[in-house]
N, C-alpha and C. Protein backbone atom coordinates (compact mmCIF):
# COMPACT_ATOMS: atom_id res chain seq x y z
N MET A 1 44.32 171.71 -38.39
CA MET A 1 44.74 170.38 -39.11
C MET A 1 42.68 170.18 -39.41
N ARG A 2 42.77 169.67 -40.50
CA ARG A 2 41.06 168.78 -40.44
C ARG A 2 41.47 167.25 -41.55
N VAL A 3 40.22 166.99 -40.32
CA VAL A 3 40.73 165.58 -39.80
C VAL A 3 39.51 164.71 -40.62
N LEU A 4 39.29 163.70 -41.24
CA LEU A 4 38.46 162.86 -41.60
C LEU A 4 38.20 162.16 -40.83
N ALA A 5 36.75 161.49 -39.93
CA ALA A 5 37.31 160.54 -38.91
C ALA A 5 36.14 159.57 -39.04
N ILE A 6 36.99 158.39 -39.51
CA ILE A 6 35.57 156.73 -39.67
C ILE A 6 35.64 156.50 -38.59
N ASP A 7 34.14 155.98 -38.14
CA ASP A 7 33.91 155.27 -37.10
C ASP A 7 32.98 153.66 -37.77
N THR A 8 33.59 152.38 -37.51
CA THR A 8 32.76 150.94 -38.19
C THR A 8 32.49 150.33 -37.36
N ALA A 9 33.23 150.46 -36.08
CA ALA A 9 33.59 149.40 -35.01
C ALA A 9 32.88 148.33 -34.69
N LEU A 10 31.48 149.10 -34.14
CA LEU A 10 30.35 148.66 -33.27
C LEU A 10 29.07 148.97 -34.33
N GLU A 11 27.70 149.67 -33.42
CA GLU A 11 26.79 149.37 -34.06
C GLU A 11 25.78 150.83 -34.87
N ALA A 12 27.14 151.59 -35.41
CA ALA A 12 26.97 152.38 -36.32
C ALA A 12 27.82 152.79 -37.53
N CYS A 13 27.01 153.27 -38.33
CA CYS A 13 28.64 153.73 -39.38
C CYS A 13 28.47 154.99 -39.16
N ALA A 14 29.78 155.91 -38.83
CA ALA A 14 29.67 157.43 -39.14
C ALA A 14 31.05 157.62 -39.14
N ALA A 15 30.63 159.56 -39.98
CA ALA A 15 31.75 159.50 -40.39
C ALA A 15 31.78 161.11 -39.83
N ALA A 16 33.37 162.01 -39.83
CA ALA A 16 32.92 163.38 -39.39
C ALA A 16 34.29 164.28 -40.09
N VAL A 17 34.17 165.36 -40.46
CA VAL A 17 35.39 166.42 -40.00
C VAL A 17 35.42 167.33 -39.41
N LEU A 18 36.74 167.29 -38.87
CA LEU A 18 37.55 168.50 -37.98
C LEU A 18 38.16 168.94 -38.18
N ASP A 19 37.85 170.67 -37.85
CA ASP A 19 38.53 171.53 -38.80
C ASP A 19 39.52 172.33 -36.83
N THR A 20 40.25 172.12 -37.12
CA THR A 20 41.01 172.63 -35.72
C THR A 20 40.89 173.72 -35.44
N VAL A 21 41.59 174.81 -36.37
CA VAL A 21 41.35 176.23 -36.83
C VAL A 21 40.26 176.67 -36.62
N ARG A 22 39.41 176.47 -36.70
CA ARG A 22 37.76 176.91 -36.60
C ARG A 22 37.32 176.27 -35.54
N GLY A 23 37.94 175.21 -35.02
CA GLY A 23 37.43 175.06 -33.54
C GLY A 23 36.56 174.35 -33.72
N GLU A 24 35.33 173.46 -34.35
CA GLU A 24 34.46 172.90 -34.04
C GLU A 24 35.00 171.30 -35.43
N ILE A 25 33.25 170.74 -35.01
CA ILE A 25 33.24 169.94 -36.60
C ILE A 25 32.18 170.25 -37.51
N VAL A 26 33.06 170.38 -38.34
CA VAL A 26 32.14 171.43 -39.14
C VAL A 26 30.90 170.06 -40.09
N SER A 27 31.13 169.02 -40.34
CA SER A 27 30.13 168.03 -40.64
C SER A 27 30.51 166.48 -40.07
N ARG A 28 29.41 166.14 -40.18
CA ARG A 28 28.70 164.85 -39.00
C ARG A 28 27.15 164.08 -39.59
N GLU A 29 28.27 162.60 -39.87
CA GLU A 29 27.03 161.64 -39.55
C GLU A 29 26.90 160.36 -39.02
N SER A 30 25.81 159.64 -38.61
CA SER A 30 26.21 158.75 -37.95
C SER A 30 24.77 158.00 -38.18
N LYS A 31 25.02 156.40 -38.67
CA LYS A 31 23.64 156.30 -38.83
C LYS A 31 24.20 154.98 -37.79
N PRO A 32 23.03 154.43 -36.45
CA PRO A 32 23.08 153.21 -35.93
C PRO A 32 22.36 152.00 -37.12
N MET A 33 23.43 150.52 -37.22
CA MET A 33 23.74 149.12 -38.11
C MET A 33 23.92 148.98 -37.12
N ALA A 34 23.96 147.69 -36.78
CA ALA A 34 24.89 146.23 -36.62
C ALA A 34 25.16 145.94 -37.54
N ARG A 35 25.12 145.72 -38.40
CA ARG A 35 25.58 145.10 -39.92
C ARG A 35 25.36 146.08 -41.18
N GLY A 36 26.01 145.70 -42.24
CA GLY A 36 25.96 146.89 -43.74
C GLY A 36 26.65 147.78 -43.68
N HIS A 37 27.62 147.55 -42.54
CA HIS A 37 28.62 149.06 -43.18
C HIS A 37 29.50 148.55 -44.19
N ALA A 38 29.87 148.00 -44.92
CA ALA A 38 30.66 147.69 -46.04
C ALA A 38 29.94 148.72 -47.80
N GLU A 39 28.25 148.34 -47.33
CA GLU A 39 27.51 149.04 -48.33
C GLU A 39 27.26 151.03 -48.03
N ALA A 40 26.96 150.96 -46.93
CA ALA A 40 27.00 152.26 -46.04
C ALA A 40 27.97 153.17 -45.90
N LEU A 41 29.26 152.70 -45.84
CA LEU A 41 29.86 153.68 -45.35
C LEU A 41 30.64 155.00 -46.45
N MET A 42 31.38 154.20 -47.37
CA MET A 42 31.83 154.99 -48.39
C MET A 42 30.39 156.38 -49.37
N PRO A 43 29.23 155.84 -49.75
CA PRO A 43 28.22 156.78 -49.78
C PRO A 43 27.77 157.86 -48.38
N LEU A 44 28.23 157.94 -47.22
CA LEU A 44 27.69 157.91 -45.79
C LEU A 44 29.38 158.80 -46.28
N VAL A 45 30.51 158.70 -46.20
CA VAL A 45 31.68 159.44 -46.46
C VAL A 45 31.53 160.41 -47.53
N LYS A 46 30.95 159.71 -48.55
CA LYS A 46 30.66 161.59 -49.74
C LYS A 46 29.84 162.35 -49.55
N ARG A 47 28.99 162.24 -47.98
CA ARG A 47 28.02 163.21 -48.40
C ARG A 47 28.76 164.04 -47.18
N VAL A 48 29.68 163.65 -45.99
CA VAL A 48 30.05 164.02 -44.98
C VAL A 48 31.13 165.18 -45.78
N MET A 49 32.07 164.80 -46.66
CA MET A 49 32.76 165.15 -47.29
C MET A 49 32.09 166.20 -48.08
N GLU A 50 31.13 166.57 -48.99
CA GLU A 50 30.44 167.05 -49.37
C GLU A 50 30.13 168.61 -48.58
N ARG A 51 29.18 167.96 -47.23
CA ARG A 51 28.92 169.19 -46.50
C ARG A 51 29.74 169.63 -46.36
N SER A 52 31.14 169.51 -45.66
CA SER A 52 31.68 170.25 -45.00
C SER A 52 32.61 170.93 -45.61
N GLY A 53 32.36 171.38 -47.53
CA GLY A 53 32.93 172.09 -48.48
C GLY A 53 34.17 171.73 -48.63
N TYR A 54 34.85 170.36 -48.08
CA TYR A 54 36.22 170.50 -48.78
C TYR A 54 36.46 169.16 -49.33
N SER A 55 37.78 169.20 -50.11
CA SER A 55 37.69 167.95 -50.91
C SER A 55 38.78 167.83 -49.50
N PHE A 56 39.57 166.06 -50.54
CA PHE A 56 40.31 165.23 -49.62
C PHE A 56 41.50 166.23 -49.74
N SER A 57 41.60 166.61 -50.90
CA SER A 57 42.95 166.71 -51.04
C SER A 57 43.31 168.49 -49.41
N ASP A 58 42.17 168.62 -49.10
CA ASP A 58 42.23 169.95 -48.03
C ASP A 58 42.41 169.09 -46.64
N LEU A 59 42.25 167.60 -46.62
CA LEU A 59 42.59 166.99 -45.21
C LEU A 59 43.82 167.09 -45.18
N ASN A 60 44.06 167.06 -43.68
CA ASN A 60 45.61 166.71 -43.35
C ASN A 60 45.86 165.19 -42.60
N ARG A 61 44.83 164.55 -42.34
CA ARG A 61 44.96 162.72 -41.65
C ARG A 61 43.61 162.77 -42.01
N ILE A 62 43.52 161.18 -42.26
CA ILE A 62 42.01 160.08 -41.27
C ILE A 62 42.38 159.82 -40.65
N ALA A 63 41.63 159.27 -40.06
CA ALA A 63 41.23 158.87 -38.34
C ALA A 63 40.33 157.64 -38.61
N VAL A 64 40.54 156.60 -37.75
CA VAL A 64 39.83 155.85 -37.53
C VAL A 64 39.55 154.77 -36.70
N THR A 65 38.49 154.21 -36.06
CA THR A 65 38.81 153.54 -35.13
C THR A 65 39.30 151.84 -35.30
N VAL A 66 40.15 151.38 -34.64
CA VAL A 66 41.02 150.04 -35.22
C VAL A 66 40.54 148.63 -34.58
N GLY A 67 39.44 148.95 -33.37
CA GLY A 67 38.94 147.75 -33.02
C GLY A 67 39.46 148.35 -30.66
N PRO A 68 38.99 147.43 -30.45
CA PRO A 68 38.04 146.01 -30.50
C PRO A 68 36.40 146.27 -30.58
N GLY A 69 36.41 145.37 -31.37
CA GLY A 69 34.95 145.57 -32.07
C GLY A 69 34.63 144.01 -32.96
N SER A 70 33.52 144.60 -33.94
CA SER A 70 33.39 143.13 -35.35
C SER A 70 34.50 142.99 -35.88
N PHE A 71 34.46 142.41 -36.05
CA PHE A 71 35.60 141.80 -37.25
C PHE A 71 35.02 142.69 -38.39
N THR A 72 33.97 141.98 -38.62
CA THR A 72 33.26 142.94 -40.29
C THR A 72 33.78 144.19 -39.93
N GLY A 73 33.55 144.69 -39.18
CA GLY A 73 33.05 146.47 -39.04
C GLY A 73 34.60 146.87 -39.20
N LEU A 74 35.63 146.41 -38.85
CA LEU A 74 36.70 147.29 -38.16
C LEU A 74 36.95 147.35 -40.00
N ARG A 75 37.41 145.52 -40.60
CA ARG A 75 37.73 145.39 -42.01
C ARG A 75 37.54 146.80 -43.19
N VAL A 76 35.74 146.54 -42.70
CA VAL A 76 35.21 147.76 -43.19
C VAL A 76 35.95 149.44 -43.44
N GLY A 77 36.13 149.30 -42.04
CA GLY A 77 36.06 151.15 -41.91
C GLY A 77 38.00 151.04 -41.91
N ILE A 78 38.45 150.14 -41.42
CA ILE A 78 40.48 150.32 -42.03
C ILE A 78 40.80 150.30 -43.22
N ALA A 79 39.94 149.80 -44.01
CA ALA A 79 40.46 149.49 -45.12
C ALA A 79 40.18 150.37 -46.04
N ALA A 80 38.85 151.17 -45.88
CA ALA A 80 38.50 152.61 -46.56
C ALA A 80 39.40 153.73 -45.91
N ALA A 81 39.76 153.62 -44.54
CA ALA A 81 40.89 154.95 -44.40
C ALA A 81 42.24 154.48 -45.16
N ARG A 82 42.34 153.42 -45.01
CA ARG A 82 44.05 152.89 -45.59
C ARG A 82 43.34 153.69 -47.40
N GLY A 83 42.32 153.49 -47.86
CA GLY A 83 42.12 153.07 -49.26
C GLY A 83 42.31 155.14 -49.62
N LEU A 84 41.35 155.13 -48.79
CA LEU A 84 40.97 157.14 -48.88
C LEU A 84 42.18 157.72 -48.58
N ALA A 85 43.39 157.16 -47.46
CA ALA A 85 44.96 157.98 -47.27
C ALA A 85 45.34 157.61 -48.54
N LEU A 86 45.24 156.34 -48.73
CA LEU A 86 46.61 156.01 -50.31
C LEU A 86 46.22 157.31 -51.36
N ALA A 87 44.86 157.50 -51.66
CA ALA A 87 44.29 158.06 -52.88
C ALA A 87 45.03 159.20 -52.92
N SER A 88 44.53 160.19 -51.52
CA SER A 88 44.71 161.55 -51.31
C SER A 88 46.36 161.84 -50.99
N GLY A 89 46.97 160.74 -50.51
CA GLY A 89 48.46 161.05 -49.82
C GLY A 89 48.26 161.56 -48.51
N LYS A 90 47.55 161.69 -48.30
CA LYS A 90 47.22 161.88 -46.22
C LYS A 90 47.61 160.62 -45.83
N PRO A 91 48.24 160.36 -44.73
CA PRO A 91 48.39 160.29 -43.39
C PRO A 91 47.23 159.36 -43.14
N ALA A 92 47.11 158.66 -42.29
CA ALA A 92 45.44 157.73 -42.03
C ALA A 92 46.59 156.80 -40.22
N VAL A 93 45.34 157.39 -39.34
CA VAL A 93 45.55 157.42 -38.25
C VAL A 93 44.98 155.92 -37.32
N GLY A 94 45.29 155.62 -36.56
CA GLY A 94 44.44 154.36 -35.69
C GLY A 94 44.15 155.10 -34.49
N LEU A 95 42.78 154.71 -34.01
CA LEU A 95 42.12 155.12 -32.56
C LEU A 95 41.86 153.74 -31.99
N SER A 96 42.16 153.49 -30.57
CA SER A 96 41.62 152.55 -30.32
C SER A 96 39.90 152.64 -29.65
N THR A 97 39.03 152.06 -30.21
CA THR A 97 37.66 152.25 -29.63
C THR A 97 37.68 152.10 -28.00
N LEU A 98 37.81 151.56 -27.15
CA LEU A 98 38.06 152.30 -25.70
C LEU A 98 38.19 152.87 -25.57
N ALA A 99 39.99 153.82 -26.27
CA ALA A 99 40.03 155.09 -25.69
C ALA A 99 38.93 155.96 -25.71
N VAL A 100 38.49 155.75 -27.46
CA VAL A 100 37.28 157.47 -28.05
C VAL A 100 36.27 156.83 -26.80
N PHE A 101 35.76 155.58 -26.61
CA PHE A 101 34.57 155.45 -25.60
C PHE A 101 34.94 156.53 -24.49
N ALA A 102 36.11 156.40 -23.96
CA ALA A 102 36.70 156.48 -22.24
C ALA A 102 36.61 158.21 -22.37
N ALA A 103 36.93 159.16 -23.93
CA ALA A 103 37.38 159.83 -24.22
C ALA A 103 36.59 161.49 -23.51
N SER A 104 35.63 161.33 -23.52
CA SER A 104 35.02 162.29 -23.04
C SER A 104 34.41 162.19 -21.98
N LEU A 105 34.30 161.37 -21.16
CA LEU A 105 34.55 161.44 -19.21
C LEU A 105 35.75 162.02 -19.04
N VAL A 106 36.91 161.57 -19.14
CA VAL A 106 38.12 161.73 -18.65
C VAL A 106 38.06 163.46 -19.45
N ALA A 107 37.83 163.90 -20.11
CA ALA A 107 37.61 165.63 -20.30
C ALA A 107 36.87 166.62 -19.36
N GLU A 108 35.43 165.59 -18.82
CA GLU A 108 34.65 165.73 -18.20
C GLU A 108 35.98 166.50 -16.72
N ASP A 109 36.06 165.04 -16.51
CA ASP A 109 36.69 165.20 -15.53
C ASP A 109 38.04 164.12 -15.36
N ASP A 110 38.83 164.42 -15.09
CA ASP A 110 40.33 164.00 -15.23
C ASP A 110 40.83 163.28 -13.77
N THR A 111 39.84 163.20 -13.10
CA THR A 111 40.44 162.77 -11.68
C THR A 111 40.17 161.45 -10.87
N SER A 112 38.55 161.09 -11.39
CA SER A 112 38.33 159.81 -11.36
C SER A 112 38.53 159.04 -12.21
N PRO A 113 38.66 157.80 -11.98
CA PRO A 113 38.95 156.71 -12.54
C PRO A 113 37.72 155.99 -13.68
N VAL A 114 37.95 155.53 -14.76
CA VAL A 114 36.75 156.04 -15.99
C VAL A 114 37.52 153.92 -16.51
N VAL A 115 36.22 153.27 -16.84
CA VAL A 115 36.24 151.73 -17.24
C VAL A 115 35.82 151.73 -18.51
N ALA A 116 36.48 151.43 -19.39
CA ALA A 116 35.75 151.45 -21.16
C ALA A 116 35.58 149.34 -21.30
N LEU A 117 33.83 149.54 -21.35
CA LEU A 117 33.66 148.38 -21.81
C LEU A 117 33.06 147.95 -23.16
N VAL A 118 33.81 147.09 -23.65
CA VAL A 118 33.09 146.72 -25.54
C VAL A 118 32.71 145.50 -25.30
N ASP A 119 31.11 144.81 -25.84
CA ASP A 119 30.60 143.30 -25.77
C ASP A 119 31.82 142.41 -26.11
N ALA A 120 32.44 141.19 -26.03
CA ALA A 120 32.95 140.29 -26.42
C ALA A 120 32.42 139.11 -26.45
N ARG A 121 30.89 139.29 -26.49
CA ARG A 121 30.37 138.06 -26.42
C ARG A 121 30.72 136.97 -25.46
N HIS A 122 29.38 135.86 -24.62
CA HIS A 122 29.82 134.48 -24.56
C HIS A 122 30.61 135.48 -23.13
N GLU A 123 29.84 136.18 -22.30
CA GLU A 123 30.42 136.36 -21.06
C GLU A 123 31.62 137.37 -20.66
N HIS A 124 32.08 137.74 -21.36
CA HIS A 124 33.35 138.39 -21.39
C HIS A 124 33.44 140.05 -22.11
N VAL A 125 34.60 140.48 -21.94
CA VAL A 125 34.56 142.00 -22.11
C VAL A 125 36.04 142.41 -22.60
N TYR A 126 35.58 143.57 -23.24
CA TYR A 126 37.39 143.73 -23.76
C TYR A 126 37.09 145.54 -22.70
N MET A 127 38.41 145.63 -22.47
CA MET A 127 38.34 146.46 -21.23
C MET A 127 39.05 147.18 -21.32
N GLN A 128 39.37 148.41 -20.81
CA GLN A 128 40.28 149.08 -20.29
C GLN A 128 40.32 150.33 -19.83
N VAL A 129 40.96 150.40 -18.21
CA VAL A 129 41.05 150.95 -16.89
C VAL A 129 42.01 151.93 -16.95
N LEU A 130 41.22 153.20 -17.24
CA LEU A 130 41.71 154.69 -16.95
C LEU A 130 41.94 155.38 -16.12
N GLY A 131 43.08 156.22 -15.00
CA GLY A 131 43.00 156.50 -14.07
C GLY A 131 43.07 158.38 -14.41
N PRO A 132 43.71 158.80 -13.05
CA PRO A 132 43.36 160.35 -12.68
C PRO A 132 44.66 160.85 -14.51
N ARG A 133 44.07 161.85 -14.77
CA ARG A 133 44.78 162.41 -16.31
C ARG A 133 45.05 161.53 -17.13
N GLY A 134 43.68 160.52 -17.10
CA GLY A 134 43.45 159.46 -18.64
C GLY A 134 45.07 158.69 -18.12
N ARG A 135 45.53 158.09 -17.37
CA ARG A 135 46.52 157.19 -17.60
C ARG A 135 46.14 155.86 -17.37
N THR A 136 46.73 154.89 -17.97
CA THR A 136 46.05 153.62 -18.58
C THR A 136 46.59 152.92 -17.43
N LEU A 137 45.70 152.27 -16.33
CA LEU A 137 46.08 151.48 -15.31
C LEU A 137 45.83 149.84 -15.77
N VAL A 138 44.67 149.83 -16.42
CA VAL A 138 44.55 148.37 -17.33
C VAL A 138 44.95 148.72 -18.60
N THR A 139 45.45 148.27 -19.31
CA THR A 139 46.03 148.05 -20.72
C THR A 139 44.65 147.36 -21.33
N PRO A 140 44.17 147.50 -22.55
CA PRO A 140 43.21 146.76 -23.23
C PRO A 140 43.08 145.64 -23.24
N ARG A 141 42.12 144.62 -22.59
CA ARG A 141 42.58 143.29 -23.27
C ARG A 141 41.12 142.41 -23.00
N LEU A 142 41.11 141.37 -22.97
CA LEU A 142 39.89 140.54 -23.09
C LEU A 142 39.75 140.36 -22.13
N ALA A 143 38.62 140.38 -20.87
CA ALA A 143 38.57 139.83 -19.39
C ALA A 143 36.81 139.17 -19.36
N ASN A 144 37.13 137.91 -18.78
CA ASN A 144 35.58 137.50 -18.62
C ASN A 144 34.71 137.96 -16.93
N LEU A 145 33.94 137.89 -16.31
CA LEU A 145 33.34 138.68 -15.54
C LEU A 145 34.19 138.51 -14.41
N ARG A 146 34.64 137.65 -13.73
CA ARG A 146 35.10 137.69 -12.76
C ARG A 146 36.12 138.75 -12.61
N ASP A 147 37.40 139.02 -13.96
CA ASP A 147 38.55 139.63 -13.95
C ASP A 147 37.74 141.49 -14.15
N ALA A 148 37.15 141.26 -15.06
CA ALA A 148 36.40 142.64 -15.63
C ALA A 148 36.27 143.41 -13.63
N LEU A 149 35.41 142.84 -13.77
CA LEU A 149 34.89 143.06 -12.09
C LEU A 149 36.21 143.18 -11.02
N ARG A 150 37.35 142.78 -10.89
CA ARG A 150 38.47 142.36 -10.20
C ARG A 150 38.86 144.24 -10.96
N ALA A 151 39.15 144.13 -12.43
CA ALA A 151 40.33 145.47 -11.93
C ALA A 151 38.98 146.39 -12.43
N SER A 152 37.55 146.35 -12.17
CA SER A 152 37.03 147.59 -12.07
C SER A 152 36.91 148.44 -10.92
N THR A 153 37.07 146.74 -9.76
CA THR A 153 36.67 147.67 -8.06
C THR A 153 38.11 147.92 -7.19
N THR A 154 39.03 147.91 -8.13
CA THR A 154 40.04 148.00 -7.22
C THR A 154 40.50 149.59 -6.73
N SER A 155 39.81 150.60 -7.42
CA SER A 155 40.22 151.34 -7.54
C SER A 155 38.82 152.34 -6.62
N ARG A 156 39.03 153.78 -6.31
CA ARG A 156 37.51 153.93 -5.96
C ARG A 156 36.09 154.47 -7.14
N ALA A 157 34.99 154.60 -6.99
CA ALA A 157 34.02 153.99 -7.78
C ALA A 157 34.24 154.57 -8.98
N PRO A 158 34.65 153.72 -10.10
CA PRO A 158 34.71 154.16 -11.47
C PRO A 158 33.87 154.73 -12.12
N ARG A 159 33.34 155.30 -13.08
CA ARG A 159 32.69 155.36 -14.11
C ARG A 159 32.70 154.51 -15.31
N LEU A 160 31.61 153.87 -15.70
CA LEU A 160 31.79 152.97 -16.39
C LEU A 160 30.70 153.82 -18.00
N VAL A 161 31.62 152.83 -18.79
CA VAL A 161 31.32 153.44 -20.79
C VAL A 161 31.65 152.44 -21.88
N GLY A 162 30.23 152.49 -22.90
CA GLY A 162 30.57 151.33 -23.30
C GLY A 162 29.61 150.67 -23.87
N ASN A 163 29.65 149.70 -24.98
CA ASN A 163 28.22 148.92 -24.85
C ASN A 163 28.32 148.12 -24.14
N ALA A 164 29.42 147.27 -23.00
CA ALA A 164 28.67 146.79 -22.38
C ALA A 164 29.08 147.27 -20.60
N ALA A 165 28.63 148.60 -20.09
CA ALA A 165 28.85 149.25 -19.17
C ALA A 165 27.69 148.81 -18.30
N ALA A 166 26.43 148.84 -19.01
CA ALA A 166 25.26 148.27 -17.95
C ALA A 166 25.01 146.75 -17.65
N TRP A 167 25.80 146.08 -18.79
CA TRP A 167 25.96 144.78 -18.52
C TRP A 167 27.14 144.38 -16.92
N LEU A 168 28.34 145.13 -17.03
CA LEU A 168 29.61 144.55 -15.96
C LEU A 168 28.28 145.66 -14.78
N ALA A 169 27.62 146.63 -14.51
CA ALA A 169 27.06 146.93 -13.11
C ALA A 169 25.59 146.42 -12.89
N ALA A 170 24.90 145.23 -14.11
CA ALA A 170 24.09 144.68 -13.69
C ALA A 170 24.41 143.62 -12.62
N ASN A 171 26.10 143.56 -12.77
CA ASN A 171 27.19 142.28 -12.02
C ASN A 171 27.90 142.50 -10.99
N TRP A 172 27.61 143.94 -10.73
CA TRP A 172 28.40 144.84 -9.49
C TRP A 172 28.13 144.01 -8.28
N PRO A 173 29.28 143.23 -7.95
CA PRO A 173 29.12 142.77 -6.35
C PRO A 173 28.43 144.17 -5.39
N ALA A 174 27.36 142.93 -4.40
CA ALA A 174 26.87 143.34 -3.05
C ALA A 174 28.28 144.97 -2.43
N ARG A 175 28.98 144.05 -2.28
CA ARG A 175 29.59 144.85 -0.88
C ARG A 175 30.64 145.78 -1.86
N GLU A 176 30.84 145.81 -3.13
CA GLU A 176 31.59 146.57 -3.06
C GLU A 176 30.67 148.28 -4.07
N ARG A 177 31.65 148.92 -3.28
CA ARG A 177 31.05 150.90 -3.93
C ARG A 177 29.95 150.15 -5.49
N ARG A 178 29.22 150.92 -5.09
CA ARG A 178 29.09 150.99 -6.65
C ARG A 178 29.37 152.26 -7.90
N ALA A 179 28.80 151.45 -8.72
CA ALA A 179 30.09 152.60 -9.57
C ALA A 179 29.00 153.93 -9.74
N ALA A 180 30.25 154.94 -10.14
CA ALA A 180 30.27 156.37 -10.37
C ALA A 180 28.75 157.10 -11.08
N SER A 181 28.40 156.13 -11.96
CA SER A 181 27.95 156.14 -13.23
C SER A 181 28.05 155.64 -14.02
N VAL A 182 27.14 155.56 -15.14
CA VAL A 182 26.89 153.91 -16.26
C VAL A 182 26.59 154.79 -17.46
N ASP A 183 27.54 154.71 -18.90
CA ASP A 183 27.18 155.34 -19.91
C ASP A 183 27.04 154.59 -20.57
N GLN A 184 25.99 153.67 -21.15
CA GLN A 184 25.51 152.71 -21.92
C GLN A 184 25.75 153.03 -23.49
N ARG A 185 26.25 152.94 -24.13
CA ARG A 185 26.51 153.71 -25.45
C ARG A 185 26.90 152.15 -26.75
N ALA A 186 26.06 152.62 -27.67
CA ALA A 186 25.91 151.55 -28.84
C ALA A 186 27.22 151.62 -29.37
N ALA A 187 28.19 152.74 -29.71
CA ALA A 187 28.63 153.00 -30.41
C ALA A 187 29.99 154.00 -29.65
N PRO A 188 31.21 154.33 -30.22
CA PRO A 188 31.71 155.82 -29.63
C PRO A 188 31.27 157.02 -30.44
N GLU A 189 31.69 158.28 -30.33
CA GLU A 189 31.23 159.45 -30.48
C GLU A 189 32.32 159.44 -31.45
N ILE A 190 31.65 160.18 -32.85
CA ILE A 190 32.39 160.54 -33.61
C ILE A 190 33.18 161.47 -33.61
N ASP A 191 32.52 162.44 -32.90
CA ASP A 191 33.39 163.40 -32.75
C ASP A 191 34.71 163.62 -31.79
N TRP A 192 34.30 162.44 -31.34
CA TRP A 192 36.17 161.86 -30.03
C TRP A 192 37.11 160.72 -30.97
N VAL A 193 36.47 160.94 -31.93
CA VAL A 193 37.52 160.09 -33.13
C VAL A 193 38.00 161.10 -33.50
N ALA A 194 37.65 162.21 -34.14
CA ALA A 194 38.14 162.77 -35.21
C ALA A 194 39.30 164.28 -34.01
N LYS A 195 38.25 164.51 -32.74
CA LYS A 195 39.39 164.89 -31.68
C LYS A 195 40.68 163.73 -31.59
N LEU A 196 40.17 162.39 -30.79
CA LEU A 196 41.62 162.05 -30.40
C LEU A 196 42.28 161.77 -31.90
N GLY A 197 42.25 162.12 -33.50
CA GLY A 197 42.66 161.86 -33.56
C GLY A 197 43.77 162.72 -34.61
N ALA A 198 42.91 164.09 -34.26
CA ALA A 198 44.06 165.33 -34.85
C ALA A 198 45.13 165.37 -33.74
N ALA A 199 45.50 164.88 -32.26
CA ALA A 199 45.90 164.71 -31.21
C ALA A 199 47.29 163.39 -31.50
N ALA A 200 46.90 162.50 -31.73
CA ALA A 200 47.34 161.38 -32.70
C ALA A 200 48.43 161.26 -32.86
N PRO A 201 49.92 160.88 -32.40
CA PRO A 201 50.90 161.10 -33.38
C PRO A 201 50.75 160.64 -35.05
N GLY A 202 51.28 161.26 -35.95
CA GLY A 202 51.04 160.60 -37.23
C GLY A 202 51.73 159.89 -37.60
N ASP A 203 52.98 159.20 -37.40
CA ASP A 203 53.78 158.27 -38.12
C ASP A 203 53.91 157.12 -37.46
N ALA A 204 52.91 156.78 -36.89
CA ALA A 204 52.79 155.05 -35.98
C ALA A 204 52.62 153.81 -37.27
N GLY A 205 52.31 154.58 -38.55
CA GLY A 205 52.66 153.35 -39.99
C GLY A 205 50.79 153.40 -40.18
N PRO A 206 50.23 152.40 -41.06
CA PRO A 206 49.02 152.33 -40.98
C PRO A 206 48.03 151.69 -40.25
N PRO A 207 46.52 151.79 -39.82
CA PRO A 207 45.94 151.17 -38.90
C PRO A 207 45.72 150.19 -39.29
N ARG A 208 45.95 149.22 -38.53
CA ARG A 208 45.89 147.80 -38.21
C ARG A 208 44.49 147.35 -36.77
N PRO A 209 43.54 146.05 -37.24
CA PRO A 209 42.91 146.11 -36.39
C PRO A 209 43.47 145.75 -34.83
N LEU A 210 42.88 146.15 -34.27
CA LEU A 210 43.63 145.79 -32.69
C LEU A 210 42.23 144.54 -32.14
N TYR A 211 42.69 143.59 -32.26
CA TYR A 211 41.58 142.55 -32.15
C TYR A 211 41.11 141.65 -30.66
N LEU A 212 42.17 141.88 -30.15
CA LEU A 212 42.05 141.15 -28.69
C LEU A 212 41.45 139.53 -28.54
N ARG A 213 41.47 139.29 -29.55
CA ARG A 213 40.90 137.48 -29.77
C ARG A 213 40.82 136.67 -30.70
N ALA A 214 41.26 135.61 -30.69
CA ALA A 214 40.97 134.89 -32.66
C ALA A 214 39.63 134.94 -32.59
N PRO A 215 39.56 134.88 -34.09
CA PRO A 215 38.45 134.99 -34.24
C PRO A 215 37.38 133.32 -33.96
N ASP A 216 36.12 133.52 -33.78
CA ASP A 216 35.55 132.71 -33.48
C ASP A 216 35.87 131.42 -34.17
N ALA A 217 35.43 131.79 -35.48
CA ALA A 217 35.84 130.71 -37.12
C ALA A 217 37.04 130.18 -36.98
N GLN A 218 37.15 129.19 -36.84
CA GLN A 218 38.48 128.63 -37.03
C GLN A 218 38.22 127.49 -37.73
N PRO A 219 39.90 127.31 -39.25
CA PRO A 219 40.11 126.14 -39.73
C PRO A 219 39.85 124.54 -39.11
N GLN A 220 39.18 123.94 -39.56
CA GLN A 220 38.83 122.65 -39.32
C GLN A 220 40.08 121.69 -39.86
N ASP A 221 41.21 121.58 -39.25
CA ASP A 221 42.10 120.54 -39.66
C ASP A 221 41.71 119.56 -39.81
N ALA A 222 41.18 118.87 -39.28
CA ALA A 222 40.46 117.33 -39.01
C ALA A 222 39.84 117.60 -40.88
N ALA A 223 39.07 118.36 -41.26
CA ALA A 223 38.09 118.78 -42.67
C ALA A 223 39.04 118.38 -43.60
N GLN A 224 40.45 118.76 -43.68
CA GLN A 224 41.79 119.04 -44.57
C GLN A 224 41.81 117.75 -45.29
N ILE A 225 41.88 117.89 -46.70
CA ILE A 225 42.49 116.43 -47.56
C ILE A 225 44.15 116.22 -47.67
N ALA A 226 44.33 115.32 -47.61
CA ALA A 226 45.89 115.08 -47.13
C ALA A 226 46.64 115.25 -48.48
N ARG A 227 47.45 115.53 -48.20
CA ARG A 227 47.89 116.18 -49.86
C ARG A 227 49.07 114.90 -50.32
N ARG A 228 49.11 114.50 -51.44
CA ARG A 228 49.87 113.41 -52.01
C ARG A 228 51.13 113.54 -52.56
């Protein structure tokens, strides 16, 4: 299987091509960035595809991170994946940012719990807790500090990963057993977007954003002009 992976969910613009028959990532590029994904993504995808030696017709599917993450970044990546899938006639699959963050740690050791964390701002995080064999113990959700600590400290010393891992570790209660490791990352690894994309069911329908919270900007009802 050949998979084009795309990630613009957080502070990177990244793409990679995985060939499972060859058992390797044949091309990848990741550029750190907090904004500007819309302008950077398609030229980056073009470079990655050219370096891979494959055309879009050679692909079997396209994988993209669907959140949680930046509202703007998610829309850019998902729109690109869906557009490329439509143009090439290939299916597109969506992957949780939290699952991608956790994937490499679960692959290293599937016996210890993993807490994947994404900064949701205003002292909140998006989080997911995985137990042995990568089984979900706490489903993806928005949590404040107290609830995030409660969910993270109920099992034996977890491994923390994500762009809010250091923040949670810094607020860890002194009476609790410390986290086994803290893996602070600004963005998911694009290689794991590709690998999880290859393993994902292909019949889930078009990728859709996983926001987990309403946008900060809301319509102001008081400012609306009354209709006559």
